[in-house]
PDB file of N, CA and C in Angstrom:
ATOM      1  N   MET A   1      72.766 -74.335  32.665  1.00  0.00           N
ATOM      2  CA  MET A   1      73.183 -74.939  33.664  1.00  0.00           C
ATOM      3  C   MET A   1      73.605 -73.794  34.661  1.00  0.00           C
ATOM      4  N   GLU A   2      73.504 -73.916  35.789  1.00  0.00           N
ATOM      5  CA  GLU A   2      73.839 -72.880  36.944  1.00  0.00           C
ATOM      6  C   GLU A   2      74.920 -73.237  37.943  1.00  0.00           C
ATOM      7  N   LEU A   3      76.071 -72.531  37.596  1.00  0.00           N
ATOM      8  CA  LEU A   3      77.251 -72.898  38.530  1.00  0.00           C
ATOM      9  C   LEU A   3      77.402 -72.097  39.727  1.00  0.00           C
ATOM     10  N   ASN A   4      77.111 -72.818  41.120  1.00  0.00           N
ATOM     11  CA  ASN A   4      76.893 -71.852  42.106  1.00  0.00           C
ATOM     12  C   ASN A   4      78.158 -72.469  42.816  1.00  0.00           C
ATOM     13  N   PHE A   5      79.011 -71.695  43.214  1.00  0.00           N
ATOM     14  CA  PHE A   5      80.315 -72.374  44.251  1.00  0.00           C
ATOM     15  C   PHE A   5      79.972 -71.873  45.681  1.00  0.00           C
ATOM     16  N   SER A   6      78.759 -71.598  46.057  1.00  0.00           N
ATOM     17  CA  SER A   6      78.222 -71.360  47.750  1.00  0.00           C
ATOM     18  C   SER A   6      78.341 -72.683  48.123  1.00  0.00           C
ATOM     19  N   LYS A   7      78.445 -72.628  49.300  1.00  0.00           N
ATOM     20  CA  LYS A   7      78.240 -73.874  50.173  1.00  0.00           C
ATOM     21  C   LYS A   7      76.697 -73.385  50.856  1.00  0.00           C
ATOM     22  N   PRO A   8      76.030 -74.613  51.487  1.00  0.00           N
ATOM     23  CA  PRO A   8      74.807 -74.287  51.791  1.00  0.00           C
ATOM     24  C   PRO A   8      74.732 -73.408  52.705  1.00  0.00           C
ATOM     25  N   SER A   9      75.776 -73.547  53.806  1.00  0.00           N
ATOM     26  CA  SER A   9      75.893 -72.684  55.201  1.00  0.00           C
ATOM     27  C   SER A   9      76.076 -71.215  54.733  1.00  0.00           C
ATOM     28  N   GLU A  10      76.750 -71.087  53.845  1.00  0.00           N
ATOM     29  CA  GLU A  10      77.062 -69.746  53.405  1.00  0.00           C
ATOM     30  C   GLU A  10      75.756 -69.003  52.962  1.00  0.00           C
ATOM     31  N   ILE A  11      75.202 -69.534  51.965  1.00  0.00           N
ATOM     32  CA  ILE A  11      73.882 -69.017  51.623  1.00  0.00           C
ATOM     33  C   ILE A  11      73.054 -68.662  52.804  1.00  0.00           C
ATOM     34  N   VAL A  12      72.782 -69.727  53.855  1.00  0.00           N
ATOM     35  CA  VAL A  12      71.930 -69.661  54.906  1.00  0.00           C
ATOM     36  C   VAL A  12      72.699 -68.154  55.997  1.00  0.00           C
ATOM     37  N   GLU A  13      73.847 -68.079  55.998  1.00  0.00           N
ATOM     38  CA  GLU A  13      74.275 -66.976  56.734  1.00  0.00           C
ATOM     39  C   GLU A  13      74.046 -65.818  55.997  1.00  0.00           C
ATOM     40  N   ARG A  14      74.111 -65.582  54.658  1.00  0.00           N
ATOM     41  CA  ARG A  14      73.652 -64.460  53.912  1.00  0.00           C
ATOM     42  C   ARG A  14      72.310 -64.173  54.104  1.00  0.00           C
ATOM     43  N   VAL A  15      71.464 -65.149  54.030  1.00  0.00           N
ATOM     44  CA  VAL A  15      70.051 -64.887  54.174  1.00  0.00           C
ATOM     45  C   VAL A  15      69.827 -64.491  55.319  1.00  0.00           C
ATOM     46  N   CYS A  16      70.081 -65.050  56.520  1.00  0.00           N
ATOM     47  CA  CYS A  16      69.812 -64.641  57.926  1.00  0.00           C
ATOM     48  C   CYS A  16      70.170 -63.176  58.232  1.00  0.00           C
ATOM     49  N   GLU A  17      71.546 -62.724  57.747  1.00  0.00           N
ATOM     50  CA  GLU A  17      72.251 -61.566  57.738  1.00  0.00           C
ATOM     51  C   GLU A  17      71.183 -60.428  57.268  1.00  0.00           C
ATOM     52  N   ARG A  18      70.522 -60.803  56.000  1.00  0.00           N
ATOM     53  CA  ARG A  18      69.778 -60.191  55.227  1.00  0.00           C
ATOM     54  C   ARG A  18      68.532 -60.004  55.874  1.00  0.00           C
ATOM     55  N   LEU A  19      67.668 -61.192  56.573  1.00  0.00           N
ATOM     56  CA  LEU A  19      66.450 -60.919  57.567  1.00  0.00           C
ATOM     57  C   LEU A  19      66.828 -60.072  58.698  1.00  0.00           C
ATOM     58  N   ARG A  20      67.787 -60.117  59.380  1.00  0.00           N
ATOM     59  CA  ARG A  20      68.295 -59.220  60.419  1.00  0.00           C
ATOM     60  C   ARG A  20      68.442 -57.607  59.901  1.00  0.00           C
ATOM     61  N   THR A  21      68.852 -57.416  59.043  1.00  0.00           N
ATOM     62  CA  THR A  21      68.819 -56.014  58.276  1.00  0.00           C
ATOM     63  C   THR A  21      67.801 -55.608  57.734  1.00  0.00           C
ATOM     64  N   GLU A  22      66.959 -56.211  57.333  1.00  0.00           N
ATOM     65  CA  GLU A  22      65.425 -55.846  56.894  1.00  0.00           C
ATOM     66  C   GLU A  22      64.683 -55.858  58.295  1.00  0.00           C
ATOM     67  N   ARG A  23      64.563 -56.502  59.138  1.00  0.00           N
ATOM     68  CA  ARG A  23      64.124 -56.546  60.594  1.00  0.00           C
ATOM     69  C   ARG A  23      64.573 -54.808  61.101  1.00  0.00           C
ATOM     70  N   LEU A  24      65.527 -54.915  61.146  1.00  0.00           N
ATOM     71  CA  LEU A  24      66.219 -53.422  61.589  1.00  0.00           C
ATOM     72  C   LEU A  24      65.790 -52.089  61.005  1.00  0.00           C
ATOM     73  N   ALA A  25      65.959 -52.443  59.570  1.00  0.00           N
ATOM     74  CA  ALA A  25      65.633 -51.442  58.613  1.00  0.00           C
ATOM     75  C   ALA A  25      64.206 -51.006  59.076  1.00  0.00           C
ATOM     76  N   LEU A  26      63.475 -51.765  59.407  1.00  0.00           N
ATOM     77  CA  LEU A  26      61.882 -51.551  59.965  1.00  0.00           C
ATOM     78  C   LEU A  26      61.775 -51.149  61.055  1.00  0.00           C
ATOM     79  N   ASN A  27      62.921 -50.944  61.712  1.00  0.00           N
ATOM     80  CA  ASN A  27      62.904 -50.794  63.256  1.00  0.00           C
ATOM     81  C   ASN A  27      62.065 -51.620  64.174  1.00  0.00           C
ATOM     82  N   MET A  28      62.198 -52.636  64.056  1.00  0.00           N
ATOM     83  CA  MET A  28      61.434 -53.944  64.804  1.00  0.00           C
ATOM     84  C   MET A  28      62.372 -54.622  65.534  1.00  0.00           C
ATOM     85  N   THR A  29      61.910 -54.737  66.936  1.00  0.00           N
ATOM     86  CA  THR A  29      62.696 -55.653  67.628  1.00  0.00           C
ATOM     87  C   THR A  29      62.522 -57.186  67.253  1.00  0.00           C
ATOM     88  N   GLN A  30      63.179 -57.965  68.080  1.00  0.00           N
ATOM     89  CA  GLN A  30      62.893 -59.296  67.701  1.00  0.00           C
ATOM     90  C   GLN A  30      61.498 -59.913  68.160  1.00  0.00           C
ATOM     91  N   ALA A  31      61.330 -59.034  69.309  1.00  0.00           N
ATOM     92  CA  ALA A  31      59.985 -59.231  70.154  1.00  0.00           C
ATOM     93  C   ALA A  31      58.887 -58.736  69.148  1.00  0.00           C
ATOM     94  N   ASP A  32      58.815 -57.587  68.398  1.00  0.00           N
ATOM     95  CA  ASP A  32      57.971 -57.271  67.909  1.00  0.00           C
ATOM     96  C   ASP A  32      57.883 -57.752  66.632  1.00  0.00           C
ATOM     97  N   LEU A  33      58.575 -58.120  65.832  1.00  0.00           N
ATOM     98  CA  LEU A  33      58.534 -59.462  64.743  1.00  0.00           C
ATOM     99  C   LEU A  33      57.890 -60.818  64.974  1.00  0.00           C
ATOM    100  N   ALA A  34      58.596 -61.385  66.292  1.00  0.00           N
ATOM    101  CA  ALA A  34      57.919 -62.559  66.728  1.00  0.00           C
ATOM    102  C   ALA A  34      56.226 -62.473  67.063  1.00  0.00           C
ATOM    103  N   GLY A  35      55.809 -61.347  67.773  1.00  0.00           N
ATOM    104  CA  GLY A  35      54.526 -61.051  67.991  1.00  0.00           C
ATOM    105  C   GLY A  35      53.907 -60.822  66.946  1.00  0.00           C
ATOM    106  N   ARG A  36      54.229 -60.149  66.071  1.00  0.00           N
ATOM    107  CA  ARG A  36      53.573 -59.916  64.780  1.00  0.00           C
ATOM    108  C   ARG A  36      53.164 -61.197  63.877  1.00  0.00           C
ATOM    109  N   ALA A  37      54.522 -62.009  64.067  1.00  0.00           N
ATOM    110  CA  ALA A  37      54.280 -63.323  63.271  1.00  0.00           C
ATOM    111  C   ALA A  37      53.603 -64.444  63.765  1.00  0.00           C
ATOM    112  N   GLY A  38      53.459 -64.089  65.226  1.00  0.00           N
ATOM    113  CA  GLY A  38      52.723 -65.221  65.834  1.00  0.00           C
ATOM    114  C   GLY A  38      53.620 -66.435  66.138  1.00  0.00           C
ATOM    115  N   ILE A  39      54.920 -66.042  66.127  1.00  0.00           N
ATOM    116  CA  ILE A  39      55.921 -67.105  66.835  1.00  0.00           C
ATOM    117  C   ILE A  39      56.802 -66.518  67.917  1.00  0.00           C
ATOM    118  N   GLY A  40      57.386 -67.333  68.630  1.00  0.00           N
ATOM    119  CA  GLY A  40      58.251 -67.024  69.688  1.00  0.00           C
ATOM    120  C   GLY A  40      59.402 -65.940  69.518  1.00  0.00           C
ATOM    121  N   THR A  41      60.130 -65.240  70.384  1.00  0.00           N
ATOM    122  CA  THR A  41      61.212 -64.431  70.230  1.00  0.00           C
ATOM    123  C   THR A  41      62.188 -65.381  69.949  1.00  0.00           C
ATOM    124  N   ASN A  42      62.540 -66.568  70.457  1.00  0.00           N
ATOM    125  CA  ASN A  42      63.568 -67.283  70.348  1.00  0.00           C
ATOM    126  C   ASN A  42      63.707 -68.108  68.884  1.00  0.00           C
ATOM    127  N   THR A  43      62.476 -68.059  68.657  1.00  0.00           N
ATOM    128  CA  THR A  43      62.395 -68.595  66.969  1.00  0.00           C
ATOM    129  C   THR A  43      63.020 -67.383  66.079  1.00  0.00           C
ATOM    130  N   VAL A  44      62.521 -66.393  66.340  1.00  0.00           N
ATOM    131  CA  VAL A  44      63.638 -64.971  65.475  1.00  0.00           C
ATOM    132  C   VAL A  44      65.018 -65.293  65.540  1.00  0.00           C
ATOM    133  N   SER A  45      65.317 -65.220  66.971  1.00  0.00           N
ATOM    134  CA  SER A  45      66.579 -65.240  67.434  1.00  0.00           C
ATOM    135  C   SER A  45      67.320 -66.783  66.564  1.00  0.00           C
ATOM    136  N   ASN A  46      66.803 -67.798  66.531  1.00  0.00           N
ATOM    137  CA  ASN A  46      67.246 -68.725  65.950  1.00  0.00           C
ATOM    138  C   ASN A  46      67.237 -68.567  64.577  1.00  0.00           C
ATOM    139  N   LEU A  47      66.540 -68.042  64.067  1.00  0.00           N
ATOM    140  CA  LEU A  47      66.225 -67.847  62.433  1.00  0.00           C
ATOM    141  C   LEU A  47      67.304 -66.996  62.064  1.00  0.00           C
ATOM    142  N   GLU A  48      67.581 -65.879  62.791  1.00  0.00           N
ATOM    143  CA  GLU A  48      68.674 -64.918  62.447  1.00  0.00           C
ATOM    144  C   GLU A  48      69.884 -65.446  62.881  1.00  0.00           C
ATOM    145  N   ALA A  49      70.082 -66.423  63.293  1.00  0.00           N
ATOM    146  CA  ALA A  49      71.320 -66.901  63.766  1.00  0.00           C
ATOM    147  C   ALA A  49      71.568 -68.337  62.984  1.00  0.00           C
ATOM    148  N   GLY A  50      70.744 -68.791  62.159  1.00  0.00           N
ATOM    149  CA  GLY A  50      70.946 -69.806  61.027  1.00  0.00           C
ATOM    150  C   GLY A  50      70.419 -71.254  61.926  1.00  0.00           C
ATOM    151  N   ARG A  51      69.905 -71.061  62.772  1.00  0.00           N
ATOM    152  CA  ARG A  51      69.958 -72.335  63.712  1.00  0.00           C
ATOM    153  C   ARG A  51      68.521 -73.030  62.875  1.00  0.00           C
ATOM    154  N   ASN A  52      68.401 -74.143  63.025  1.00  0.00           N
ATOM    155  CA  ASN A  52      66.769 -74.765  62.609  1.00  0.00           C
ATOM    156  C   ASN A  52      65.679 -74.155  63.177  1.00  0.00           C
ATOM    157  N   VAL A  53      65.054 -74.073  62.184  1.00  0.00           N
ATOM    158  CA  VAL A  53      63.842 -73.155  62.197  1.00  0.00           C
ATOM    159  C   VAL A  53      62.844 -73.732  61.025  1.00  0.00           C
ATOM    160  N   GLY A  54      61.394 -74.227  61.363  1.00  0.00           N
ATOM    161  CA  GLY A  54      60.733 -74.652  60.406  1.00  0.00           C
ATOM    162  C   GLY A  54      60.336 -73.710  59.492  1.00  0.00           C
ATOM    163  N   PHE A  55      60.075 -74.402  58.256  1.00  0.00           N
ATOM    164  CA  PHE A  55      59.732 -73.595  56.972  1.00  0.00           C
ATOM    165  C   PHE A  55      58.563 -72.468  57.404  1.00  0.00           C
ATOM    166  N   GLU A  56      57.614 -73.266  57.790  1.00  0.00           N
ATOM    167  CA  GLU A  56      56.444 -72.101  57.905  1.00  0.00           C
ATOM    168  C   GLU A  56      56.722 -70.961  59.049  1.00  0.00           C
ATOM    169  N   ASN A  57      57.919 -71.041  60.025  1.00  0.00           N
ATOM    170  CA  ASN A  57      57.919 -69.882  60.535  1.00  0.00           C
ATOM    171  C   ASN A  57      58.747 -69.008  59.624  1.00  0.00           C
ATOM    172  N   VAL A  58      59.523 -69.298  58.929  1.00  0.00           N
ATOM    173  CA  VAL A  58      60.300 -68.454  57.694  1.00  0.00           C
ATOM    174  C   VAL A  58      59.370 -67.824  56.867  1.00  0.00           C
ATOM    175  N   ILE A  59      58.219 -68.525  56.584  1.00  0.00           N
ATOM    176  CA  ILE A  59      57.243 -67.968  55.678  1.00  0.00           C
ATOM    177  C   ILE A  59      56.414 -66.773  56.277  1.00  0.00           C
ATOM    178  N   ARG A  60      56.113 -67.033  57.871  1.00  0.00           N
ATOM    179  CA  ARG A  60      55.587 -66.432  58.699  1.00  0.00           C
ATOM    180  C   ARG A  60      56.232 -64.914  58.971  1.00  0.00           C
ATOM    181  N   VAL A  61      57.691 -64.816  59.058  1.00  0.00           N
ATOM    182  CA  VAL A  61      58.388 -63.864  59.158  1.00  0.00           C
ATOM    183  C   VAL A  61      58.518 -63.005  57.592  1.00  0.00           C
ATOM    184  N   ALA A  62      58.577 -63.740  56.878  1.00  0.00           N
ATOM    185  CA  ALA A  62      58.682 -63.060  55.463  1.00  0.00           C
ATOM    186  C   ALA A  62      57.170 -62.214  55.138  1.00  0.00           C
ATOM    187  N   MET A  63      56.018 -62.914  55.678  1.00  0.00           N
ATOM    188  CA  MET A  63      54.800 -62.202  55.396  1.00  0.00           C
ATOM    189  C   MET A  63      54.847 -60.902  56.248  1.00  0.00           C
ATOM    190  N   VAL A  64      55.583 -60.947  57.392  1.00  0.00           N
ATOM    191  CA  VAL A  64      55.562 -59.736  58.197  1.00  0.00           C
ATOM    192  C   VAL A  64      56.363 -58.334  57.919  1.00  0.00           C
ATOM    193  N   LEU A  65      57.190 -58.943  57.113  1.00  0.00           N
ATOM    194  CA  LEU A  65      58.330 -58.051  56.456  1.00  0.00           C
ATOM    195  C   LEU A  65      58.075 -57.920  55.107  1.00  0.00           C
ATOM    196  N   GLY A  66      56.822 -58.593  54.553  1.00  0.00           N
ATOM    197  CA  GLY A  66      56.399 -58.020  53.245  1.00  0.00           C
ATOM    198  C   GLY A  66      57.352 -58.613  52.232  1.00  0.00           C
ATOM    199  N   ARG A  67      57.906 -59.637  52.402  1.00  0.00           N
ATOM    200  CA  ARG A  67      58.753 -60.321  51.486  1.00  0.00           C
ATOM    201  C   ARG A  67      58.355 -61.773  51.023  1.00  0.00           C
ATOM    202  N   THR A  68      57.029 -61.738  50.938  1.00  0.00           N
ATOM    203  CA  THR A  68      56.478 -63.365  50.461  1.00  0.00           C
ATOM    204  C   THR A  68      56.515 -63.368  48.901  1.00  0.00           C
ATOM    205  N   GLN A  69      56.521 -62.271  48.190  1.00  0.00           N
ATOM    206  CA  GLN A  69      56.649 -62.583  46.887  1.00  0.00           C
ATOM    207  C   GLN A  69      58.222 -63.281  46.293  1.00  0.00           C
ATOM    208  N   GLU A  70      59.154 -63.103  46.807  1.00  0.00           N
ATOM    209  CA  GLU A  70      60.284 -63.890  46.681  1.00  0.00           C
ATOM    210  C   GLU A  70      60.253 -65.420  47.165  1.00  0.00           C
ATOM    211  N   LEU A  71      59.523 -65.634  48.412  1.00  0.00           N
ATOM    212  CA  LEU A  71      59.540 -66.947  48.351  1.00  0.00           C
ATOM    213  C   LEU A  71      58.195 -67.628  47.456  1.00  0.00           C
ATOM    214  N   GLU A  72      57.216 -67.017  47.248  1.00  0.00           N
ATOM    215  CA  GLU A  72      56.485 -67.635  46.385  1.00  0.00           C
ATOM    216  C   GLU A  72      57.021 -67.797  44.983  1.00  0.00           C
ATOM    217  N   SER A  73      57.798 -66.977  44.538  1.00  0.00           N
ATOM    218  CA  SER A  73      58.545 -67.388  43.058  1.00  0.00           C
ATOM    219  C   SER A  73      59.909 -68.137  43.341  1.00  0.00           C
ATOM    220  N   LEU A  74      60.119 -68.713  44.243  1.00  0.00           N
ATOM    221  CA  LEU A  74      61.125 -69.480  44.711  1.00  0.00           C
ATOM    222  C   LEU A  74      61.301 -70.962  43.943  1.00  0.00           C
ATOM    223  N   PHE A  75      60.378 -71.647  43.393  1.00  0.00           N
ATOM    224  CA  PHE A  75      60.574 -72.732  42.888  1.00  0.00           C
ATOM    225  C   PHE A  75      59.525 -72.689  41.319  1.00  0.00           C
ATOM    226  N   LEU A  76      59.516 -71.427  41.102  1.00  0.00           N
ATOM    227  CA  LEU A  76      58.687 -71.301  39.618  1.00  0.00           C
ATOM    228  C   LEU A  76      59.379 -71.942  38.559  1.00  0.00           C
ATOM    229  N   PRO A  77      58.759 -72.372  37.603  1.00  0.00           N
ATOM    230  CA  PRO A  77      59.539 -73.122  36.437  1.00  0.00           C
ATOM    231  C   PRO A  77      60.335 -72.286  35.746  1.00  0.00           C
ATOM    232  N   LYS A  78      61.484 -72.402  35.272  1.00  0.00           N
ATOM    233  CA  LYS A  78      62.332 -71.765  34.270  1.00  0.00           C
ATOM    234  C   LYS A  78      61.815 -72.252  33.046  1.00  0.00           C
ATOM    235  N   ILE A  79      61.259 -70.969  32.076  1.00  0.00           N
ATOM    236  CA  ILE A  79      60.662 -71.461  30.828  1.00  0.00           C
ATOM    237  C   ILE A  79      61.190 -70.402  30.014  1.00  0.00           C
ATOM    238  N   ASP A  80      62.016 -70.972  28.944  1.00  0.00           N
ATOM    239  CA  ASP A  80      62.803 -70.051  28.064  1.00  0.00           C
ATOM    240  C   ASP A  80      62.101 -70.291  26.282  1.00  0.00           C
ATOM    241  N   SER A  81      61.378 -71.571  26.619  1.00  0.00           N
ATOM    242  CA  SER A  81      60.901 -71.749  24.934  1.00  0.00           C
ATOM    243  C   SER A  81      59.263 -72.629  25.139  1.00  0.00           C
ATOM    244  N   ILE A  82      59.104 -72.802  24.046  1.00  0.00           N
ATOM    245  CA  ILE A  82      57.923 -73.481  23.793  1.00  0.00           C
ATOM    246  C   ILE A  82      57.749 -74.834  24.227  1.00  0.00           C
ATOM    247  N   ASP A  83      59.200 -75.665  24.061  1.00  0.00           N
ATOM    248  CA  ASP A  83      59.407 -76.839  24.490  1.00  0.00           C
ATOM    249  C   ASP A  83      59.491 -76.957  26.033  1.00  0.00           C
ATOM    250  N   ASP A  84      59.974 -75.964  26.617  1.00  0.00           N
ATOM    251  CA  ASP A  84      59.859 -76.065  28.176  1.00  0.00           C
ATOM    252  C   ASP A  84      58.537 -76.005  28.746  1.00  0.00           C
ATOM    253  N   ILE A  85      57.768 -74.960  28.116  1.00  0.00           N
ATOM    254  CA  ILE A  85      56.224 -75.222  28.611  1.00  0.00           C
ATOM    255  C   ILE A  85      55.681 -76.586  28.342  1.00  0.00           C
ATOM    256  N   ARG A  86      55.769 -77.206  27.294  1.00  0.00           N
ATOM    257  CA  ARG A  86      55.061 -78.451  27.074  1.00  0.00           C
ATOM    258  C   ARG A  86      55.886 -79.535  28.091  1.00  0.00           C
ATOM    259  N   ARG A  87      57.052 -79.417  28.443  1.00  0.00           N
ATOM    260  CA  ARG A  87      57.582 -80.447  29.406  1.00  0.00           C
ATOM    261  C   ARG A  87      57.044 -80.195  31.053  1.00  0.00           C
ATOM    262  N   TYR A  88      56.981 -78.974  31.072  1.00  0.00           N
ATOM    263  CA  TYR A  88      56.487 -78.560  32.291  1.00  0.00           C
ATOM    264  C   TYR A  88      54.788 -79.118  32.532  1.00  0.00           C
ATOM    265  N   GLU A  89      54.098 -78.733  31.337  1.00  0.00           N
ATOM    266  CA  GLU A  89      52.962 -79.068  31.653  1.00  0.00           C
ATOM    267  C   GLU A  89      52.908 -80.620  31.651  1.00  0.00           C
ATOM    268  N   ASN A  90      53.566 -81.332  30.981  1.00  0.00           N
ATOM    269  CA  ASN A  90      53.326 -82.922  31.213  1.00  0.00           C
ATOM    270  C   ASN A  90      54.113 -83.276  32.434  1.00  0.00           C
ATOM    271  N   SER A  91      54.998 -82.870  33.213  1.00  0.00           N
ATOM    272  CA  SER A  91      55.628 -83.217  34.462  1.00  0.00           C
ATOM    273  C   SER A  91      54.575 -82.847  35.357  1.00  0.00           C
ATOM    274  N   ALA A  92      53.918 -81.786  35.395  1.00  0.00           N
ATOM    275  CA  ALA A  92      52.912 -81.556  36.493  1.00  0.00           C
ATOM    276  C   ALA A  92      51.668 -82.351  36.341  1.00  0.00           C
ATOM    277  N   LYS A  93      51.639 -83.373  35.608  1.00  0.00           N
ATOM    278  CA  LYS A  93      50.443 -84.493  35.639  1.00  0.00           C
ATOM    279  C   LYS A  93      50.925 -85.528  36.202  1.00  0.00           C
ATOM    280  N   ARG A  94      52.282 -85.832  36.257  1.00  0.00           N
ATOM    281  CA  ARG A  94      52.922 -87.029  36.745  1.00  0.00           C
ATOM    282  C   ARG A  94      52.696 -86.995  38.372  1.00  0.00           C
ATOM    283  N   LEU A  95      52.858 -87.911  38.987  1.00  0.00           N
ATOM    284  CA  LEU A  95      52.938 -88.055  40.543  1.00  0.00           C
ATOM    285  C   LEU A  95      54.049 -88.550  40.923  1.00  0.00           C
ATOM    286  N   ARG A  96      54.922 -88.783  40.279  1.00  0.00           N
ATOM    287  CA  ARG A  96      56.284 -89.442  40.434  1.00  0.00           C
ATOM    288  C   ARG A  96      57.249 -89.177  39.133  1.00  0.00           C
ATOM    289  N   CYS A  97      58.452 -89.192  39.470  1.00  0.00           N
ATOM    290  CA  CYS A  97      59.513 -89.065  38.319  1.00  0.00           C
ATOM    291  C   CYS A  97      59.628 -90.524  37.858  1.00  0.00           C
ATOM    292  N   ARG A  98      59.955 -90.428  36.601  1.00  0.00           N
ATOM    293  CA  ARG A  98      60.349 -91.940  35.634  1.00  0.00           C
ATOM    294  C   ARG A  98      61.504 -92.432  36.651  1.00  0.00           C
ATOM    295  N   GLY A  99      61.451 -93.336  36.698  1.00  0.00           N
ATOM    296  CA  GLY A  99      62.590 -94.501  37.100  1.00  0.00           C
ATOM    297  C   GLY A  99      63.603 -94.840  36.169  1.00  0.00           C
ATOM    298  N   LYS A 100      64.907 -95.012  36.570  1.00  0.00           N
ATOM    299  CA  LYS A 100      65.750 -95.227  35.519  1.00  0.00           C
ATOM    300  C   LYS A 100      65.600 -96.861  34.916  1.00  0.00           C
ATOM    301  N   ALA A 101      65.974 -96.816  33.648  1.00  0.00           N
ATOM    302  CA  ALA A 101      65.865 -98.340  32.988  1.00  0.00           C
ATOM    303  C   ALA A 101      66.713 -99.260  33.631  1.00  0.00           C
ATOM    304  N   ARG A 102      66.055-100.443  34.237  1.00  0.00           N
ATOM    305  CA  ARG A 102      66.835-101.665  34.481  1.00  0.00           C
ATOM    306  C   ARG A 102      67.878-102.095  33.317  1.00  0.00           C
ATOM    307  N   ARG A 103      68.995-102.463  34.111  1.00  0.00           N
ATOM    308  CA  ARG A 103      70.138-103.022  33.175  1.00  0.00           C
ATOM    309  C   ARG A 103      69.894-104.411  33.575  1.00  0.00           C
ATOM    310  N   THR A 104      69.929-105.375  32.212  1.00  0.00           N
ATOM    311  CA  THR A 104      69.850-106.836  32.853  1.00  0.00           C
ATOM    312  C   THR A 104      71.059-107.446  32.427  1.00  0.00           C
TER     313      THR A 104
END
């Protein structure tokens, strides 16, 4: 079990600050990044400010900054045992999660 005491807004704030820092470390303006990502400068500004931006735009920016590996590993299964592998393989075949048993 992972205990995380951060609020979603705090995580957004940290990620947005890292994005801005990474862009500046690469000596890119918001307009440079936007042009290379194929998005508007306002979108980059909104992303760095933590305002609502589509996930595809986040991916585009990550691609330009050379950070797609982190996104691609975002929801990889946590596998610590053979049982975890079996459980993951079985769940990959299902299209829905199991419903809870009805009480009568």
